[in-house]
Amino acid sequence: MPRSLLNTTDRSSTLDRIAQLSPSSTRKWGKMTVSEALCHMADGLVIAFGDKPVTFKPSLMSTGLVKWFVIYSPIPWPKGKVEAPPGFFDTRPDPDFEKNRQLLVGLVRRFEKGENQRWGTSPYMGPLGAEDWAVLNYRHLDHHLRQFGV
């Protein structure tokens, strides 16, 4: 069973890892600062919950095999090799680090509501169900938390 933000244990461990970040956390790869990463992770959740409307453009990413590979494959995502298109992840960090962290924590906690809530459309993969969003976002957060060593 893949790790999922719908799973209480996985969600709790993710929140514990977010709590370990500090303004002085340094990246192991990539270009983002820790505050930019917090906002980037939050943007992914905002899209998952449908709070930011996006346009879905069918592509190779929306095919069954590629979608499965991105969401469910046990192979780690590449480090610093993939960049989102401009404007896709656009929240800019507040100078208050804790405010950025609490924004992300609040969004992760929305998974406590379970499957019965509104879910957005992925601009790359199209409509996703609750479990797909929960696994995809667990992987996304895990990827960036590892980027900062937590």
N, C-alpha and C. Protein backbone atom coordinates (compact mmCIF):
# COMPACT_ATOMS: atom_id res chain seq x y z
N MET A 1 0.86 -1.19 0.00
CA MET A 1 0.00 0.00 0.00
C MET A 1 0.90 1.24 0.00
N PRO A 2 0.70 2.15 -0.95
CA PRO A 2 1.54 3.35 -1.00
C PRO A 2 1.22 4.30 0.15
N ARG A 3 2.20 5.11 0.50
CA ARG A 3 1.97 6.13 1.52
C ARG A 3 1.02 7.18 0.98
N SER A 4 0.16 7.69 1.88
CA SER A 4 -0.94 8.55 1.44
C SER A 4 -1.26 9.56 2.54
N LEU A 5 -1.59 10.77 2.15
CA LEU A 5 -2.00 11.78 3.13
C LEU A 5 -3.38 11.49 3.71
N LEU A 6 -4.10 10.53 3.14
CA LEU A 6 -5.37 10.11 3.74
C LEU A 6 -5.12 9.16 4.92
N ASN A 7 -3.93 8.59 5.00
CA ASN A 7 -3.56 7.69 6.08
C ASN A 7 -3.07 8.52 7.27
N THR A 8 -3.66 8.31 8.43
CA THR A 8 -3.35 9.11 9.62
C THR A 8 -1.86 9.06 9.98
N THR A 9 -1.27 7.88 9.95
CA THR A 9 0.14 7.74 10.30
C THR A 9 1.04 8.47 9.31
N ASP A 10 0.77 8.31 8.02
CA ASP A 10 1.57 8.98 7.00
C ASP A 10 1.42 10.50 7.09
N ARG A 11 0.20 10.94 7.33
CA ARG A 11 -0.05 12.39 7.46
C ARG A 11 0.69 12.94 8.68
N SER A 12 0.63 12.22 9.82
CA SER A 12 1.30 12.67 11.04
C SER A 12 2.81 12.74 10.86
N SER A 13 3.38 11.72 10.21
CA SER A 13 4.83 11.74 10.02
C SER A 13 5.23 12.87 9.08
N THR A 14 4.39 13.18 8.11
CA THR A 14 4.66 14.31 7.21
C THR A 14 4.62 15.62 7.99
N LEU A 15 3.62 15.79 8.84
CA LEU A 15 3.53 17.00 9.66
C LEU A 15 4.72 17.12 10.61
N ASP A 16 5.18 16.00 11.16
CA ASP A 16 6.37 16.01 12.03
C ASP A 16 7.60 16.46 11.25
N ARG A 17 7.72 16.01 10.02
CA ARG A 17 8.87 16.40 9.19
C ARG A 17 8.80 17.88 8.83
N ILE A 18 7.61 18.38 8.54
CA ILE A 18 7.45 19.81 8.24
C ILE A 18 7.87 20.63 9.46
N ALA A 19 7.52 20.15 10.65
CA ALA A 19 7.88 20.86 11.89
C ALA A 19 9.39 20.92 12.10
N GLN A 20 10.13 20.00 11.49
CA GLN A 20 11.59 19.99 11.64
C GLN A 20 12.29 21.03 10.77
N LEU A 21 11.58 21.59 9.80
CA LEU A 21 12.18 22.61 8.94
C LEU A 21 12.39 23.89 9.74
N SER A 22 13.41 24.63 9.37
CA SER A 22 13.67 25.92 10.01
C SER A 22 14.10 26.91 8.93
N PRO A 23 14.10 28.19 9.24
CA PRO A 23 14.54 29.17 8.24
C PRO A 23 15.97 28.92 7.77
N SER A 24 16.76 28.22 8.55
CA SER A 24 18.15 27.95 8.16
C SER A 24 18.33 26.60 7.47
N SER A 25 17.24 25.86 7.23
CA SER A 25 17.34 24.59 6.51
C SER A 25 17.92 24.85 5.12
N THR A 26 18.89 24.03 4.74
CA THR A 26 19.53 24.22 3.44
C THR A 26 19.18 23.05 2.52
N ARG A 27 19.09 23.37 1.26
CA ARG A 27 18.72 22.37 0.26
C ARG A 27 19.92 21.48 -0.08
N LYS A 28 19.61 20.25 -0.45
CA LYS A 28 20.63 19.31 -0.91
C LYS A 28 20.72 19.32 -2.43
N TRP A 29 19.67 19.78 -3.10
CA TRP A 29 19.66 19.92 -4.55
C TRP A 29 18.62 20.96 -4.91
N GLY A 30 18.63 21.38 -6.15
CA GLY A 30 17.63 22.32 -6.65
C GLY A 30 17.98 23.76 -6.36
N LYS A 31 17.01 24.64 -6.61
CA LYS A 31 17.22 26.08 -6.51
C LYS A 31 16.40 26.76 -5.42
N MET A 32 15.34 26.11 -4.95
CA MET A 32 14.42 26.77 -4.01
C MET A 32 15.03 26.93 -2.62
N THR A 33 14.66 28.04 -1.99
CA THR A 33 14.94 28.20 -0.56
C THR A 33 13.89 27.39 0.19
N VAL A 34 14.09 27.23 1.49
CA VAL A 34 13.12 26.47 2.27
C VAL A 34 11.75 27.16 2.26
N SER A 35 11.72 28.48 2.32
CA SER A 35 10.43 29.19 2.28
C SER A 35 9.75 29.03 0.92
N GLU A 36 10.54 29.08 -0.15
CA GLU A 36 9.96 28.85 -1.48
C GLU A 36 9.42 27.43 -1.59
N ALA A 37 10.14 26.46 -1.01
CA ALA A 37 9.67 25.07 -1.05
C ALA A 37 8.37 24.90 -0.28
N LEU A 38 8.24 25.57 0.87
CA LEU A 38 6.99 25.49 1.63
C LEU A 38 5.82 25.98 0.78
N CYS A 39 6.00 27.10 0.10
CA CYS A 39 4.94 27.65 -0.74
C CYS A 39 4.68 26.76 -1.96
N HIS A 40 5.73 26.21 -2.53
CA HIS A 40 5.60 25.30 -3.67
C HIS A 40 4.79 24.06 -3.28
N MET A 41 5.09 23.50 -2.12
CA MET A 41 4.34 22.33 -1.66
C MET A 41 2.88 22.70 -1.39
N ALA A 42 2.66 23.88 -0.82
CA ALA A 42 1.29 24.35 -0.56
C ALA A 42 0.52 24.52 -1.86
N ASP A 43 1.18 25.06 -2.89
CA ASP A 43 0.51 25.24 -4.18
C ASP A 43 0.01 23.91 -4.74
N GLY A 44 0.80 22.84 -4.57
CA GLY A 44 0.36 21.53 -5.05
C GLY A 44 -0.91 21.08 -4.36
N LEU A 45 -1.03 21.38 -3.07
CA LEU A 45 -2.22 21.00 -2.32
C LEU A 45 -3.42 21.88 -2.70
N VAL A 46 -3.17 23.14 -2.94
CA VAL A 46 -4.24 24.05 -3.36
C VAL A 46 -4.86 23.56 -4.67
N ILE A 47 -4.01 23.09 -5.58
CA ILE A 47 -4.50 22.54 -6.86
C ILE A 47 -5.28 21.25 -6.60
N ALA A 48 -4.76 20.39 -5.71
CA ALA A 48 -5.43 19.13 -5.40
C ALA A 48 -6.85 19.35 -4.88
N PHE A 49 -7.02 20.36 -4.05
CA PHE A 49 -8.34 20.62 -3.47
C PHE A 49 -9.24 21.47 -4.38
N GLY A 50 -8.74 21.81 -5.55
CA GLY A 50 -9.54 22.58 -6.50
C GLY A 50 -9.68 24.04 -6.12
N ASP A 51 -8.81 24.53 -5.22
CA ASP A 51 -8.88 25.93 -4.80
C ASP A 51 -8.26 26.87 -5.84
N LYS A 52 -7.46 26.32 -6.73
CA LYS A 52 -6.87 27.10 -7.82
C LYS A 52 -7.26 26.41 -9.11
N PRO A 53 -8.12 27.05 -9.90
CA PRO A 53 -8.52 26.42 -11.16
C PRO A 53 -7.33 26.34 -12.11
N VAL A 54 -7.20 25.21 -12.76
CA VAL A 54 -6.13 25.02 -13.74
C VAL A 54 -6.74 24.44 -15.01
N THR A 55 -6.01 24.56 -16.08
CA THR A 55 -6.46 24.03 -17.36
C THR A 55 -5.76 22.69 -17.60
N PHE A 56 -6.54 21.68 -17.90
CA PHE A 56 -5.99 20.37 -18.20
C PHE A 56 -5.75 20.28 -19.69
N LYS A 57 -4.52 19.94 -20.06
CA LYS A 57 -4.16 19.72 -21.45
C LYS A 57 -3.68 18.28 -21.58
N PRO A 58 -4.49 17.41 -22.20
CA PRO A 58 -4.06 16.01 -22.34
C PRO A 58 -2.68 15.91 -22.99
N SER A 59 -1.89 15.00 -22.45
CA SER A 59 -0.53 14.79 -22.94
C SER A 59 -0.10 13.39 -22.55
N LEU A 60 1.14 13.09 -22.77
CA LEU A 60 1.70 11.80 -22.36
C LEU A 60 1.50 11.57 -20.86
N MET A 61 1.57 12.66 -20.07
CA MET A 61 1.40 12.57 -18.61
C MET A 61 0.01 12.07 -18.22
N SER A 62 -0.97 12.23 -19.08
CA SER A 62 -2.34 11.85 -18.71
C SER A 62 -2.68 10.42 -19.14
N THR A 63 -1.73 9.72 -19.74
CA THR A 63 -1.99 8.33 -20.10
C THR A 63 -1.87 7.45 -18.87
N GLY A 64 -2.56 6.33 -18.88
CA GLY A 64 -2.63 5.45 -17.71
C GLY A 64 -1.28 5.04 -17.15
N LEU A 65 -0.38 4.58 -17.98
CA LEU A 65 0.90 4.07 -17.50
C LEU A 65 1.76 5.19 -16.91
N VAL A 66 1.83 6.31 -17.60
CA VAL A 66 2.65 7.42 -17.10
C VAL A 66 2.04 7.98 -15.82
N LYS A 67 0.72 8.11 -15.79
CA LYS A 67 0.04 8.60 -14.59
C LYS A 67 0.34 7.67 -13.41
N TRP A 68 0.23 6.37 -13.64
CA TRP A 68 0.54 5.40 -12.57
C TRP A 68 1.98 5.57 -12.12
N PHE A 69 2.90 5.70 -13.07
CA PHE A 69 4.32 5.80 -12.72
C PHE A 69 4.58 7.03 -11.85
N VAL A 70 4.01 8.17 -12.20
CA VAL A 70 4.22 9.40 -11.43
C VAL A 70 3.61 9.28 -10.04
N ILE A 71 2.41 8.72 -9.94
CA ILE A 71 1.71 8.68 -8.66
C ILE A 71 2.14 7.49 -7.80
N TYR A 72 2.24 6.30 -8.37
CA TYR A 72 2.36 5.09 -7.56
C TYR A 72 3.70 4.35 -7.64
N SER A 73 4.54 4.70 -8.57
CA SER A 73 5.80 3.96 -8.71
C SER A 73 6.65 4.10 -7.44
N PRO A 74 7.30 3.02 -7.03
CA PRO A 74 8.19 3.11 -5.86
C PRO A 74 9.53 3.78 -6.18
N ILE A 75 9.77 4.09 -7.45
CA ILE A 75 11.02 4.74 -7.84
C ILE A 75 10.96 6.21 -7.45
N PRO A 76 11.98 6.70 -6.73
CA PRO A 76 11.98 8.12 -6.32
C PRO A 76 11.99 9.05 -7.53
N TRP A 77 11.39 10.21 -7.33
CA TRP A 77 11.39 11.22 -8.39
C TRP A 77 12.80 11.77 -8.60
N PRO A 78 13.11 12.22 -9.80
CA PRO A 78 14.44 12.78 -10.05
C PRO A 78 14.67 14.06 -9.25
N LYS A 79 15.90 14.26 -8.85
CA LYS A 79 16.27 15.42 -8.03
C LYS A 79 16.71 16.58 -8.92
N GLY A 80 15.92 17.66 -8.89
CA GLY A 80 16.30 18.87 -9.60
C GLY A 80 16.25 18.78 -11.11
N LYS A 81 15.56 17.80 -11.65
CA LYS A 81 15.55 17.60 -13.10
C LYS A 81 14.27 18.09 -13.77
N VAL A 82 13.20 18.25 -13.00
CA VAL A 82 11.92 18.61 -13.58
C VAL A 82 11.50 19.97 -13.05
N GLU A 83 11.13 20.86 -13.96
CA GLU A 83 10.65 22.17 -13.54
C GLU A 83 9.22 22.35 -14.00
N ALA A 84 8.42 22.89 -13.11
CA ALA A 84 7.03 23.19 -13.45
C ALA A 84 6.99 24.39 -14.39
N PRO A 85 5.97 24.47 -15.24
CA PRO A 85 5.86 25.62 -16.12
C PRO A 85 5.65 26.91 -15.32
N PRO A 86 6.09 28.06 -15.87
CA PRO A 86 5.91 29.33 -15.17
C PRO A 86 4.45 29.57 -14.80
N GLY A 87 4.22 30.04 -13.58
CA GLY A 87 2.88 30.37 -13.12
C GLY A 87 2.13 29.19 -12.53
N PHE A 88 2.66 27.98 -12.69
CA PHE A 88 1.97 26.80 -12.17
C PHE A 88 2.02 26.77 -10.65
N PHE A 89 3.20 26.95 -10.11
CA PHE A 89 3.39 27.08 -8.67
C PHE A 89 3.83 28.52 -8.45
N ASP A 90 2.90 29.36 -8.02
CA ASP A 90 3.22 30.79 -8.04
C ASP A 90 3.13 31.51 -6.69
N THR A 91 2.86 30.82 -5.59
CA THR A 91 2.81 31.49 -4.30
C THR A 91 4.21 31.96 -3.93
N ARG A 92 4.33 33.20 -3.58
CA ARG A 92 5.63 33.73 -3.16
C ARG A 92 5.71 33.70 -1.65
N PRO A 93 6.89 33.35 -1.12
CA PRO A 93 7.02 33.24 0.33
C PRO A 93 6.80 34.57 1.04
N ASP A 94 6.13 34.48 2.16
CA ASP A 94 5.99 35.60 3.08
C ASP A 94 7.32 35.70 3.83
N PRO A 95 7.78 36.89 4.20
CA PRO A 95 9.02 36.98 4.98
C PRO A 95 8.93 36.23 6.31
N ASP A 96 7.70 35.97 6.77
CA ASP A 96 7.49 35.24 8.02
C ASP A 96 7.50 33.74 7.72
N PHE A 97 8.62 33.09 8.00
CA PHE A 97 8.79 31.66 7.74
C PHE A 97 7.65 30.85 8.35
N GLU A 98 7.31 31.16 9.59
CA GLU A 98 6.29 30.38 10.29
C GLU A 98 4.93 30.49 9.59
N LYS A 99 4.64 31.64 9.02
CA LYS A 99 3.38 31.81 8.28
C LYS A 99 3.36 30.87 7.07
N ASN A 100 4.50 30.75 6.37
CA ASN A 100 4.59 29.83 5.22
C ASN A 100 4.40 28.39 5.68
N ARG A 101 5.02 28.04 6.81
CA ARG A 101 4.91 26.67 7.30
C ARG A 101 3.46 26.38 7.72
N GLN A 102 2.81 27.31 8.40
CA GLN A 102 1.44 27.08 8.86
C GLN A 102 0.46 26.98 7.70
N LEU A 103 0.72 27.70 6.62
CA LEU A 103 -0.10 27.55 5.41
C LEU A 103 -0.05 26.10 4.93
N LEU A 104 1.15 25.55 4.85
CA LEU A 104 1.30 24.17 4.40
C LEU A 104 0.67 23.19 5.39
N VAL A 105 0.91 23.38 6.66
CA VAL A 105 0.33 22.49 7.68
C VAL A 105 -1.19 22.47 7.59
N GLY A 106 -1.80 23.64 7.44
CA GLY A 106 -3.26 23.71 7.33
C GLY A 106 -3.78 22.94 6.13
N LEU A 107 -3.07 23.02 5.02
CA LEU A 107 -3.49 22.29 3.83
C LEU A 107 -3.33 20.78 4.01
N VAL A 108 -2.24 20.35 4.62
CA VAL A 108 -2.06 18.91 4.87
C VAL A 108 -3.17 18.41 5.78
N ARG A 109 -3.54 19.20 6.78
CA ARG A 109 -4.59 18.79 7.72
C ARG A 109 -5.96 18.66 7.04
N ARG A 110 -6.15 19.28 5.90
CA ARG A 110 -7.43 19.13 5.19
C ARG A 110 -7.68 17.68 4.78
N PHE A 111 -6.61 16.89 4.66
CA PHE A 111 -6.78 15.48 4.33
C PHE A 111 -7.45 14.72 5.47
N GLU A 112 -7.50 15.31 6.66
CA GLU A 112 -8.20 14.67 7.79
C GLU A 112 -9.68 14.49 7.48
N LYS A 113 -10.22 15.31 6.60
CA LYS A 113 -11.63 15.21 6.21
C LYS A 113 -11.91 13.95 5.39
N GLY A 114 -10.86 13.34 4.89
CA GLY A 114 -11.03 12.12 4.10
C GLY A 114 -11.40 12.38 2.66
N GLU A 115 -12.01 11.38 2.06
CA GLU A 115 -12.30 11.41 0.63
C GLU A 115 -13.47 12.32 0.27
N ASN A 116 -14.34 12.60 1.21
CA ASN A 116 -15.58 13.32 0.92
C ASN A 116 -15.38 14.82 0.96
N GLN A 117 -14.62 15.31 0.02
CA GLN A 117 -14.45 16.74 -0.17
C GLN A 117 -14.19 17.00 -1.65
N ARG A 118 -14.09 18.24 -1.99
CA ARG A 118 -13.90 18.61 -3.40
C ARG A 118 -12.45 18.34 -3.80
N TRP A 119 -12.26 17.81 -4.99
CA TRP A 119 -10.93 17.54 -5.53
C TRP A 119 -10.79 18.24 -6.87
N GLY A 120 -9.63 18.79 -7.11
CA GLY A 120 -9.37 19.52 -8.34
C GLY A 120 -8.94 18.61 -9.48
N THR A 121 -8.59 19.25 -10.56
CA THR A 121 -8.10 18.58 -11.75
C THR A 121 -6.62 18.88 -11.91
N SER A 122 -5.83 17.87 -12.17
CA SER A 122 -4.41 18.08 -12.42
C SER A 122 -4.22 18.65 -13.82
N PRO A 123 -3.42 19.69 -13.96
CA PRO A 123 -3.20 20.23 -15.30
C PRO A 123 -2.44 19.25 -16.20
N TYR A 124 -1.77 18.28 -15.60
CA TYR A 124 -1.00 17.29 -16.35
C TYR A 124 -1.74 15.97 -16.54
N MET A 125 -2.47 15.54 -15.50
CA MET A 125 -3.06 14.19 -15.51
C MET A 125 -4.57 14.17 -15.58
N GLY A 126 -5.19 15.34 -15.53
CA GLY A 126 -6.64 15.40 -15.61
C GLY A 126 -7.30 15.14 -14.26
N PRO A 127 -8.57 14.74 -14.28
CA PRO A 127 -9.29 14.50 -13.02
C PRO A 127 -8.64 13.34 -12.25
N LEU A 128 -8.44 13.54 -10.96
CA LEU A 128 -7.89 12.51 -10.08
C LEU A 128 -8.84 12.31 -8.92
N GLY A 129 -8.89 11.10 -8.41
CA GLY A 129 -9.69 10.81 -7.23
C GLY A 129 -8.92 11.13 -5.96
N ALA A 130 -9.60 10.98 -4.84
CA ALA A 130 -9.02 11.30 -3.54
C ALA A 130 -7.72 10.54 -3.28
N GLU A 131 -7.72 9.24 -3.52
CA GLU A 131 -6.51 8.46 -3.23
C GLU A 131 -5.36 8.85 -4.14
N ASP A 132 -5.65 9.10 -5.42
CA ASP A 132 -4.58 9.55 -6.32
C ASP A 132 -3.97 10.85 -5.83
N TRP A 133 -4.83 11.82 -5.45
CA TRP A 133 -4.31 13.10 -4.95
C TRP A 133 -3.53 12.90 -3.66
N ALA A 134 -4.00 12.04 -2.78
CA ALA A 134 -3.36 11.84 -1.48
C ALA A 134 -1.99 11.18 -1.63
N VAL A 135 -1.87 10.23 -2.54
CA VAL A 135 -0.59 9.57 -2.78
C VAL A 135 0.36 10.51 -3.52
N LEU A 136 -0.15 11.17 -4.57
CA LEU A 136 0.67 12.11 -5.33
C LEU A 136 1.24 13.20 -4.43
N ASN A 137 0.41 13.77 -3.58
CA ASN A 137 0.90 14.85 -2.72
C ASN A 137 1.78 14.34 -1.59
N TYR A 138 1.56 13.12 -1.13
CA TYR A 138 2.52 12.55 -0.18
C TYR A 138 3.89 12.48 -0.85
N ARG A 139 3.92 11.96 -2.07
CA ARG A 139 5.19 11.84 -2.80
C ARG A 139 5.82 13.21 -3.04
N HIS A 140 5.00 14.19 -3.39
CA HIS A 140 5.52 15.53 -3.66
C HIS A 140 6.14 16.13 -2.39
N LEU A 141 5.42 16.04 -1.29
CA LEU A 141 5.94 16.57 -0.03
C LEU A 141 7.18 15.80 0.41
N ASP A 142 7.14 14.48 0.31
CA ASP A 142 8.30 13.67 0.68
C ASP A 142 9.53 14.06 -0.14
N HIS A 143 9.34 14.26 -1.44
CA HIS A 143 10.44 14.66 -2.33
C HIS A 143 11.10 15.95 -1.84
N HIS A 144 10.27 16.95 -1.52
CA HIS A 144 10.84 18.24 -1.11
C HIS A 144 11.31 18.25 0.34
N LEU A 145 10.70 17.47 1.19
CA LEU A 145 11.21 17.38 2.57
C LEU A 145 12.59 16.70 2.56
N ARG A 146 12.77 15.70 1.71
CA ARG A 146 14.09 15.08 1.56
C ARG A 146 15.08 16.09 1.00
N GLN A 147 14.60 16.96 0.12
CA GLN A 147 15.46 18.00 -0.46
C GLN A 147 16.10 18.84 0.65
N PHE A 148 15.38 19.00 1.75
CA PHE A 148 15.88 19.80 2.87
C PHE A 148 16.31 18.94 4.06
N GLY A 149 16.52 17.66 3.80
CA GLY A 149 17.13 16.80 4.79
C GLY A 149 16.24 16.34 5.94
N VAL A 150 14.91 16.42 5.76
CA VAL A 150 14.02 15.93 6.83
C VAL A 150 13.10 14.85 6.28
